[in-house]
Amino acid sequence: MSKINLETFDLTQLPNAEDDAFEFKSSRTSFGDLKNKLSYAVSGFANSGGGYFIVGVDDNGKADGGLSLKIGKQDLRDWADQVIHRVEPVPRYDIKLIHDSMGQGNIGLDSAVLVVGIHESYAGPHMASDNHYYIRAGAHTVKAKHFIVDAIWAKRHFSKPRLTHLFRLKPGKEEAIQLGILALTDSPAVDIKIAVSPLPQMIQNCESLFPLQASIIDRNNPFFFDVTTYSQAKEHFGEDVYLEVEYCDLAGNFYTYKSKVEVVGSVPPISIGNDNPAKIVKALESINKALLQLTNSRENAAKPSLVLSKPSESIFIDVEKLIPELLAEMRNDLFEHPFARELILMPKSAGYDGDPNNLILVYYFENHTWLRSKIRILENYALIYEITYNSTPRFVISEELAAYLISSQTK
């Protein structure tokens, strides 16, 4: 998206022709036609990196009279807001009314040039009011083909910043153990705040520094800090320590990563030489203790969780349109088994030895065409998340999705 500040923008900054970032509409365009064109443009620019929709100029970007400040009894700005909010989901946008042509054509009395700036979106694809998706193709807004829409869905999933944590031996000083926050996707996390509770003994004197703050974490810029020493990890780190990381994406959406962190068994053995027998013995004893504790079952293993923004009602409406048959089967299953929260995907020919103490919902590939892709839609909306640990695709149903499906069954 062209870097234009609408606060200081005037018509002298317009290019002399439409391009992939600018679309011009004449003042003579009917409001009925303009309503559709604006909706299509908002969808197209939001799906294609952002851009500007300018109304009240000719093909050369010169003011040709401008739009009336009133459309019936409605203010022009309010009218534009209403049209833009028919796009689903609504992208970030700015509106400016320009009254001074600055010598670039003419703007009539009680008229203005309407400028709508649509920001690059990380929550696409965005659907216009006619229930179609649009993109920018050069200087034109066109309907997106199915494979383009699928690609935008994939971009949406992978563009969300996802963080995780790990422990490592400090490079060059292996006696020290560091806790690190790392990015799982290509999208950067920004405005990060890192809290550890309770603080490990070794850094309790640094309490005033917490929550730690970092401007960015991405694949190339993880964040590590010392938390304990290898030989005294168990005694000085603690057993019930929790990590909480708050962060945003580039679009300003807020996320939280929470997890219980256990240092014992999370780092490899330190490199030891033969010049300090006492240190060797101590290190081997520490390793032995760690090995004895590596008996955690799948059920009591610490699991990180991503707490995302609560989905809106419109999200469920969108999902119902996309995968009604799968949601209908899940709705019936949860009505019969309201406490079930895990599901697996498998062919009917395969066998599965389930845990009698852990109810698992099963969905067969033969019953739903493109089943994995439909499950991906639920992942994209953060309504389920994957916990596969063997060859069987396995997922957890969010409480929001479960509540929606159960409540809609009883209505």
Protein backbone atom coordinates (compact mmCIF):
# COMPACT_ATOMS: atom_id res chain seq x y z
CA MET A 1 0.00 0.00 0.00
CA SER A 2 1.35 3.43 -0.91
CA LYS A 3 2.54 5.28 2.16
CA ILE A 4 0.17 8.25 2.24
CA ASN A 5 -0.78 10.08 5.41
CA LEU A 6 -4.42 11.10 5.00
CA GLU A 7 -3.98 13.86 7.58
CA THR A 8 -1.64 15.72 5.24
CA PHE A 9 -2.93 14.31 1.95
CA ASP A 10 -4.16 16.59 -0.84
CA LEU A 11 -4.98 16.13 -4.53
CA THR A 12 -1.46 17.10 -5.65
CA GLN A 13 -0.28 13.71 -4.34
CA LEU A 14 -2.53 11.70 -6.66
CA PRO A 15 -0.94 9.87 -9.60
CA ASN A 16 -2.06 11.00 -13.07
CA ALA A 17 -3.77 7.65 -13.74
CA GLU A 18 -5.23 4.70 -11.86
CA ASP A 19 -2.88 1.91 -10.81
CA ASP A 20 -2.85 -1.06 -8.44
CA ALA A 21 -3.08 1.25 -5.40
CA PHE A 22 -5.51 3.93 -6.66
CA GLU A 23 -9.01 3.73 -8.14
CA PHE A 24 -10.74 6.88 -9.42
CA LYS A 25 -14.48 7.51 -9.76
CA SER A 26 -16.12 10.55 -11.35
CA SER A 27 -18.46 12.91 -9.52
CA ARG A 28 -21.07 11.94 -12.12
CA THR A 29 -21.20 8.31 -10.93
CA SER A 30 -24.68 7.50 -9.61
CA PHE A 31 -24.86 6.77 -5.90
CA GLY A 32 -26.43 3.38 -6.61
CA ASP A 33 -23.49 2.38 -8.79
CA LEU A 34 -21.03 4.06 -6.45
CA LYS A 35 -22.30 2.02 -3.49
CA ASN A 36 -21.41 -1.22 -5.32
CA LYS A 37 -18.09 0.10 -6.64
CA LEU A 38 -16.99 1.19 -3.16
CA SER A 39 -17.89 -2.20 -1.65
CA TYR A 40 -15.98 -4.05 -4.40
CA ALA A 41 -12.97 -1.75 -4.03
CA VAL A 42 -12.80 -2.16 -0.24
CA SER A 43 -12.83 -5.95 -0.69
CA GLY A 44 -10.27 -5.80 -3.51
CA PHE A 45 -7.80 -3.49 -1.80
CA ALA A 46 -8.08 -5.28 1.56
CA ASN A 47 -7.36 -8.59 -0.20
CA SER A 48 -4.47 -7.15 -2.22
CA GLY A 49 -2.25 -5.16 0.12
CA GLY A 50 -4.29 -1.99 0.56
CA GLY A 51 -5.02 1.10 -1.55
CA TYR A 52 -7.15 4.19 -2.09
CA PHE A 53 -10.62 4.71 -3.55
CA ILE A 54 -11.06 8.32 -4.71
CA VAL A 55 -14.48 9.67 -5.71
CA GLY A 56 -14.92 13.07 -7.36
CA VAL A 57 -12.01 13.02 -9.82
CA ASP A 58 -11.59 12.25 -13.52
CA ASP A 59 -9.37 9.60 -15.11
CA ASN A 60 -6.33 11.86 -14.62
CA GLY A 61 -6.90 12.38 -10.90
CA LYS A 62 -8.21 15.94 -11.31
CA ALA A 63 -11.26 17.07 -9.32
CA ASP A 64 -14.36 17.14 -11.54
CA GLY A 65 -16.84 18.83 -9.23
CA GLY A 66 -16.86 16.59 -6.17
CA LEU A 67 -19.70 14.82 -4.36
CA SER A 68 -22.50 16.50 -2.44
CA LEU A 69 -21.89 16.54 1.30
CA LYS A 70 -25.39 15.13 1.78
CA ILE A 71 -26.87 12.00 0.26
CA GLY A 72 -30.52 12.53 0.97
CA LYS A 73 -30.54 13.34 4.68
CA GLN A 74 -27.35 11.35 5.37
CA ASP A 75 -23.89 12.89 5.68
CA LEU A 76 -21.45 11.75 2.99
CA ARG A 77 -18.99 10.37 5.55
CA ASP A 78 -21.74 8.39 7.32
CA TRP A 79 -22.93 7.03 3.99
CA ALA A 80 -19.40 5.82 3.17
CA ASP A 81 -19.04 4.22 6.63
CA GLN A 82 -22.30 2.35 6.14
CA VAL A 83 -21.25 1.00 2.73
CA ILE A 84 -17.83 -0.09 3.97
CA HIS A 85 -19.37 -1.96 6.92
CA ARG A 86 -21.20 -4.21 4.47
CA VAL A 87 -17.83 -5.81 3.68
CA GLU A 88 -17.16 -8.91 5.82
CA PRO A 89 -14.98 -8.81 7.81
CA VAL A 90 -14.59 -5.03 7.83
CA PRO A 91 -10.93 -4.07 7.22
CA ARG A 92 -9.16 -1.10 8.77
CA TYR A 93 -9.81 2.06 6.79
CA ASP A 94 -9.63 5.86 6.91
CA ILE A 95 -11.90 8.48 5.32
CA LYS A 96 -11.07 12.04 4.32
CA LEU A 97 -13.20 14.71 2.62
CA ILE A 98 -11.18 17.17 0.54
CA HIS A 99 -12.70 20.61 -0.13
CA ASP A 100 -9.67 22.39 -1.65
CA SER A 101 -8.59 21.19 -5.09
CA MET A 102 -5.14 22.86 -4.75
CA GLY A 103 -5.33 23.76 -8.42
CA GLN A 104 -6.04 20.16 -9.44
CA GLY A 105 -9.44 20.68 -11.09
CA ASN A 106 -12.42 22.16 -9.27
CA ILE A 107 -14.61 21.24 -6.31
CA GLY A 108 -18.08 22.79 -6.09
CA LEU A 109 -19.66 24.57 -3.14
CA ASP A 110 -20.99 22.17 -0.47
CA SER A 111 -19.10 19.37 -2.22
CA ALA A 112 -15.96 17.36 -1.57
CA VAL A 113 -13.69 14.70 -3.01
CA LEU A 114 -14.14 11.48 -1.02
CA VAL A 115 -10.93 9.62 -0.18
CA VAL A 116 -11.14 6.14 1.37
CA GLY A 117 -7.84 4.55 2.40
CA ILE A 118 -8.03 0.77 2.92
CA HIS A 119 -5.20 -0.72 4.96
CA GLU A 120 -3.38 -3.94 4.18
CA SER A 121 -5.28 -6.73 5.93
CA TYR A 122 -4.12 -9.81 7.79
CA ALA A 123 -7.69 -11.08 8.31
CA GLY A 124 -8.75 -11.82 4.71
CA PRO A 125 -10.37 -12.82 2.54
CA HIS A 126 -12.85 -9.93 2.69
CA MET A 127 -16.23 -10.42 1.02
CA ALA A 128 -18.08 -7.56 -0.70
CA SER A 129 -21.80 -6.87 -0.30
CA ASP A 130 -22.64 -9.10 -3.29
CA ASN A 131 -21.14 -12.15 -1.47
CA HIS A 132 -18.14 -12.27 -3.81
CA TYR A 133 -14.45 -11.76 -3.08
CA TYR A 134 -12.42 -9.21 -5.07
CA ILE A 135 -8.76 -8.42 -5.71
CA ARG A 136 -6.85 -5.69 -7.52
CA ALA A 137 -5.49 -6.70 -10.93
CA GLY A 138 -3.41 -3.76 -12.10
CA ALA A 139 -5.74 -0.76 -12.29
CA HIS A 140 -8.90 -2.87 -12.05
CA THR A 141 -10.94 -4.49 -9.29
CA VAL A 142 -11.99 -8.01 -10.35
CA LYS A 143 -13.62 -11.04 -8.79
CA ALA A 144 -11.10 -13.41 -7.22
CA LYS A 145 -10.96 -16.95 -8.55
CA HIS A 146 -11.38 -19.81 -6.10
CA PHE A 147 -7.67 -20.64 -5.91
CA ILE A 148 -6.91 -16.99 -5.09
CA VAL A 149 -9.46 -17.01 -2.26
CA ASP A 150 -7.90 -20.24 -0.95
CA ALA A 151 -4.47 -18.60 -1.05
CA ILE A 152 -5.76 -15.62 0.93
CA TRP A 153 -7.24 -18.00 3.51
CA ALA A 154 -3.85 -19.69 3.80
CA LYS A 155 -2.12 -16.31 4.15
CA ARG A 156 -4.54 -15.39 6.90
CA HIS A 157 -3.69 -18.55 8.85
CA PHE A 158 0.05 -18.28 8.50
CA SER A 159 0.20 -14.51 8.89
CA LYS A 160 -1.05 -14.67 12.46
CA PRO A 161 1.93 -14.44 14.78
CA ARG A 162 2.23 -17.61 16.86
CA LEU A 163 4.72 -17.80 19.70
CA THR A 164 6.12 -20.65 21.74
CA HIS A 165 8.91 -21.10 24.26
CA LEU A 166 11.93 -23.29 24.90
CA PHE A 167 14.89 -23.60 27.25
CA ARG A 168 18.48 -23.74 26.04
CA LEU A 169 22.00 -23.72 27.40
CA LYS A 170 23.42 -20.23 27.03
CA PRO A 171 25.85 -20.13 24.08
CA GLY A 172 29.39 -19.80 25.34
CA LYS A 173 28.33 -20.29 28.96
CA GLU A 174 26.57 -23.63 29.17
CA GLU A 175 26.22 -23.61 32.94
CA ALA A 176 23.50 -20.97 32.51
CA ILE A 177 20.01 -21.85 31.24
CA GLN A 178 17.98 -19.40 29.18
CA LEU A 179 14.25 -19.20 28.56
CA GLY A 180 13.43 -18.14 25.00
CA ILE A 181 10.32 -16.88 23.19
CA LEU A 182 10.26 -17.90 19.52
CA ALA A 183 7.99 -17.28 16.52
CA LEU A 184 6.30 -20.26 14.85
CA THR A 185 5.06 -18.34 11.80
CA ASP A 186 6.50 -15.74 9.44
CA SER A 187 4.32 -12.94 10.80
CA PRO A 188 6.13 -10.84 13.42
CA ALA A 189 4.79 -10.30 16.92
CA VAL A 190 5.14 -6.70 18.11
CA ASP A 191 4.77 -4.79 21.39
CA ILE A 192 5.59 -7.91 23.42
CA LYS A 193 5.31 -8.13 27.21
CA ILE A 194 6.78 -11.19 28.95
CA ALA A 195 5.83 -12.17 32.50
CA VAL A 196 7.06 -15.12 34.58
CA SER A 197 5.25 -16.02 37.80
CA PRO A 198 6.64 -16.66 40.30
CA LEU A 199 10.07 -15.44 39.32
CA PRO A 200 12.84 -18.06 39.60
CA GLN A 201 15.19 -17.50 42.52
CA MET A 202 18.11 -16.40 40.36
CA ILE A 203 16.22 -13.40 38.90
CA GLN A 204 14.04 -12.39 41.82
CA ASN A 205 16.23 -9.34 42.34
CA CYS A 206 15.21 -8.23 38.82
CA GLU A 207 11.49 -8.08 39.64
CA SER A 208 11.29 -4.38 38.72
CA LEU A 209 12.24 -5.26 35.12
CA PHE A 210 9.16 -7.45 34.62
CA PRO A 211 7.18 -7.71 32.52
CA LEU A 212 10.07 -7.73 30.08
CA GLN A 213 9.31 -5.77 26.94
CA ALA A 214 10.44 -6.41 23.38
CA SER A 215 9.54 -4.44 20.27
CA ILE A 216 9.47 -7.43 17.91
CA ILE A 217 9.85 -11.22 17.87
CA ASP A 218 10.00 -13.06 14.55
CA ARG A 219 11.77 -16.06 13.06
CA ASN A 220 15.02 -14.11 12.83
CA ASN A 221 14.72 -12.38 16.20
CA PRO A 222 13.87 -14.69 19.12
CA PHE A 223 14.07 -13.36 22.66
CA PHE A 224 16.18 -15.19 25.31
CA PHE A 225 16.99 -14.33 28.91
CA ASP A 226 18.85 -16.14 31.73
CA VAL A 227 16.65 -17.83 34.34
CA THR A 228 18.78 -20.33 36.29
CA THR A 229 21.92 -22.46 36.30
CA TYR A 230 22.17 -26.03 35.08
CA SER A 231 23.39 -27.56 38.32
CA GLN A 232 20.71 -25.88 40.44
CA ALA A 233 17.83 -25.80 37.95
CA LYS A 234 15.41 -27.86 40.03
CA GLU A 235 16.12 -26.10 43.33
CA HIS A 236 16.26 -22.53 42.03
CA PHE A 237 13.73 -22.48 39.17
CA GLY A 238 10.68 -23.97 40.84
CA GLU A 239 8.02 -26.48 39.80
CA ASP A 240 4.88 -24.35 39.35
CA VAL A 241 6.16 -21.54 37.15
CA TYR A 242 3.97 -19.98 34.49
CA LEU A 243 4.90 -17.92 31.45
CA GLU A 244 2.52 -15.34 29.96
CA VAL A 245 3.33 -13.41 26.80
CA GLU A 246 1.08 -10.60 25.55
CA TYR A 247 1.64 -9.33 22.02
CA CYS A 248 0.03 -7.83 18.92
CA ASP A 249 0.21 -8.43 15.19
CA LEU A 250 0.92 -5.71 12.64
CA ALA A 251 -2.81 -5.02 12.31
CA GLY A 252 -3.10 -4.27 16.04
CA ASN A 253 -4.90 -7.49 16.99
CA PHE A 254 -4.10 -8.68 20.52
CA TYR A 255 -2.93 -12.18 21.52
CA THR A 256 -1.85 -13.97 24.68
CA TYR A 257 0.38 -17.04 24.96
CA LYS A 258 0.24 -18.87 28.29
CA SER A 259 2.05 -22.00 29.39
CA LYS A 260 3.41 -23.76 32.43
CA VAL A 261 7.19 -23.94 32.04
CA GLU A 262 9.32 -26.77 33.39
CA VAL A 263 13.05 -26.46 33.08
CA VAL A 264 13.94 -29.97 34.32
CA GLY A 265 14.21 -32.25 31.31
CA SER A 266 13.88 -29.36 28.86
CA VAL A 267 17.56 -28.80 28.08
CA PRO A 268 20.26 -31.16 26.80
CA PRO A 269 23.17 -32.25 29.01
CA ILE A 270 25.93 -29.69 29.38
CA SER A 271 29.32 -30.29 27.77
CA ILE A 272 31.80 -31.27 30.46
CA GLY A 273 35.52 -31.80 30.40
CA ASN A 274 37.82 -33.93 32.56
CA ASP A 275 39.51 -31.08 34.41
CA ASN A 276 36.95 -30.84 37.20
CA PRO A 277 35.85 -34.24 38.61
CA ALA A 278 33.56 -32.66 41.20
CA LYS A 279 31.73 -30.74 38.49
CA ILE A 280 31.40 -33.92 36.41
CA VAL A 281 29.85 -35.81 39.33
CA LYS A 282 27.42 -32.99 40.04
CA ALA A 283 26.42 -32.72 36.40
CA LEU A 284 25.85 -36.49 36.14
CA GLU A 285 23.72 -36.45 39.27
CA SER A 286 21.61 -33.65 37.82
CA ILE A 287 21.21 -35.57 34.55
CA ASN A 288 20.19 -38.70 36.43
CA LYS A 289 17.52 -36.80 38.37
CA ALA A 290 16.16 -35.34 35.15
CA LEU A 291 15.95 -38.78 33.52
CA LEU A 292 14.08 -40.21 36.49
CA GLN A 293 11.46 -37.49 36.16
CA LEU A 294 10.84 -38.02 32.45
CA THR A 295 7.80 -40.18 33.12
CA ASN A 296 5.09 -37.65 32.42
CA SER A 297 2.12 -39.12 30.59
CA ARG A 298 0.35 -37.39 27.75
CA GLU A 299 -2.37 -36.27 30.14
CA ASN A 300 -0.15 -34.48 32.66
CA ALA A 301 2.29 -32.99 30.16
CA ALA A 302 2.24 -29.20 30.20
CA LYS A 303 0.31 -27.87 27.22
CA PRO A 304 0.66 -24.30 26.00
CA SER A 305 -2.52 -22.46 25.11
CA LEU A 306 -3.25 -19.57 22.80
CA VAL A 307 -5.94 -17.22 24.08
CA LEU A 308 -7.26 -15.35 21.06
CA SER A 309 -9.88 -12.67 20.70
CA LYS A 310 -13.39 -14.02 21.35
CA PRO A 311 -15.03 -14.77 17.97
CA SER A 312 -17.96 -12.60 16.96
CA GLU A 313 -21.38 -13.91 15.97
CA SER A 314 -20.62 -13.02 12.34
CA ILE A 315 -17.77 -15.54 12.31
CA PHE A 316 -20.16 -18.37 13.10
CA ILE A 317 -22.47 -17.16 10.33
CA ASP A 318 -19.56 -17.26 7.88
CA VAL A 319 -18.51 -20.74 8.96
CA GLU A 320 -22.08 -22.04 8.71
CA LYS A 321 -22.16 -20.89 5.08
CA LEU A 322 -18.85 -22.60 4.27
CA ILE A 323 -19.16 -26.00 6.02
CA PRO A 324 -22.81 -26.57 7.06
CA GLU A 325 -22.72 -30.40 6.83
CA LEU A 326 -19.64 -30.78 9.04
CA LEU A 327 -21.00 -28.37 11.65
CA ALA A 328 -24.32 -30.22 11.65
CA GLU A 329 -22.56 -33.50 12.48
CA MET A 330 -20.43 -31.83 15.16
CA ARG A 331 -23.55 -30.20 16.61
CA ASN A 332 -25.29 -33.60 16.94
CA ASP A 333 -22.18 -35.18 18.46
CA LEU A 334 -21.82 -32.45 21.08
CA PHE A 335 -25.52 -32.61 21.89
CA GLU A 336 -25.05 -36.31 22.74
CA HIS A 337 -21.61 -35.82 24.34
CA PRO A 338 -21.50 -32.23 25.68
CA PHE A 339 -18.14 -32.68 27.43
CA ALA A 340 -16.25 -34.00 24.39
CA ARG A 341 -13.56 -31.58 23.26
CA GLU A 342 -11.16 -33.66 21.15
CA LEU A 343 -11.71 -34.91 17.61
CA ILE A 344 -9.72 -36.98 15.15
CA LEU A 345 -9.84 -37.48 11.40
CA MET A 346 -9.48 -40.95 9.88
CA PRO A 347 -10.60 -43.23 7.04
CA LYS A 348 -13.32 -45.78 7.79
CA SER A 349 -10.91 -48.60 6.99
CA ALA A 350 -8.58 -47.64 9.86
CA GLY A 351 -8.91 -48.79 13.44
CA TYR A 352 -8.46 -46.62 16.50
CA ASP A 353 -7.84 -47.76 20.07
CA GLY A 354 -9.28 -44.93 22.13
CA ASP A 355 -8.91 -44.11 25.80
CA PRO A 356 -12.13 -45.11 27.64
CA ASN A 357 -11.55 -42.22 30.05
CA ASN A 358 -11.18 -39.62 27.28
CA LEU A 359 -14.06 -39.34 24.80
CA ILE A 360 -12.84 -38.64 21.26
CA LEU A 361 -15.15 -37.58 18.42
CA VAL A 362 -14.33 -39.23 15.08
CA TYR A 363 -14.95 -37.78 11.62
CA TYR A 364 -14.38 -39.89 8.53
CA PHE A 365 -12.83 -38.69 5.29
CA GLU A 366 -15.39 -40.68 3.32
CA ASN A 367 -18.29 -38.74 4.88
CA HIS A 368 -16.98 -35.27 4.05
CA THR A 369 -15.24 -34.28 0.84
CA TRP A 370 -12.14 -32.15 1.47
CA LEU A 371 -12.49 -32.85 5.18
CA ARG A 372 -8.99 -31.64 6.08
CA SER A 373 -9.59 -28.36 4.22
CA LYS A 374 -12.87 -27.86 6.07
CA ILE A 375 -11.11 -28.44 9.37
CA ARG A 376 -8.54 -25.87 8.24
CA ILE A 377 -11.32 -23.28 7.99
CA LEU A 378 -12.12 -23.82 11.67
CA GLU A 379 -8.40 -23.46 12.45
CA ASN A 380 -8.23 -20.21 10.48
CA TYR A 381 -11.03 -18.81 12.63
CA ALA A 382 -9.25 -20.05 15.80
CA LEU A 383 -12.28 -22.20 16.65
CA ILE A 384 -10.17 -25.37 16.95
CA TYR A 385 -6.45 -26.02 17.23
CA GLU A 386 -4.28 -29.00 16.32
CA ILE A 387 -2.66 -31.25 18.92
CA THR A 388 -1.53 -34.12 16.66
CA TYR A 389 1.18 -36.22 18.30
CA ASN A 390 1.12 -39.32 16.09
CA SER A 391 -0.10 -40.21 12.60
CA THR A 392 -3.75 -39.46 13.38
CA PRO A 393 -4.81 -35.80 12.84
CA ARG A 394 -6.10 -34.64 16.22
CA PHE A 395 -7.72 -31.36 17.28
CA VAL A 396 -9.23 -29.63 20.31
CA ILE A 397 -12.58 -27.84 20.03
CA SER A 398 -12.58 -24.36 21.57
CA GLU A 399 -15.10 -23.55 24.26
CA GLU A 400 -16.55 -20.82 22.03
CA LEU A 401 -17.29 -23.28 19.21
CA ALA A 402 -18.64 -25.89 21.63
CA ALA A 403 -20.95 -23.37 23.29
CA TYR A 404 -22.21 -22.15 19.92
CA LEU A 405 -22.93 -25.64 18.59
CA ILE A 406 -24.64 -26.83 21.77
CA SER A 407 -26.75 -23.67 22.16
CA SER A 408 -27.82 -23.69 18.49
CA GLN A 409 -28.95 -27.32 18.86
CA THR A 410 -31.32 -26.37 21.65
CA LYS A 411 -32.86 -23.36 19.92
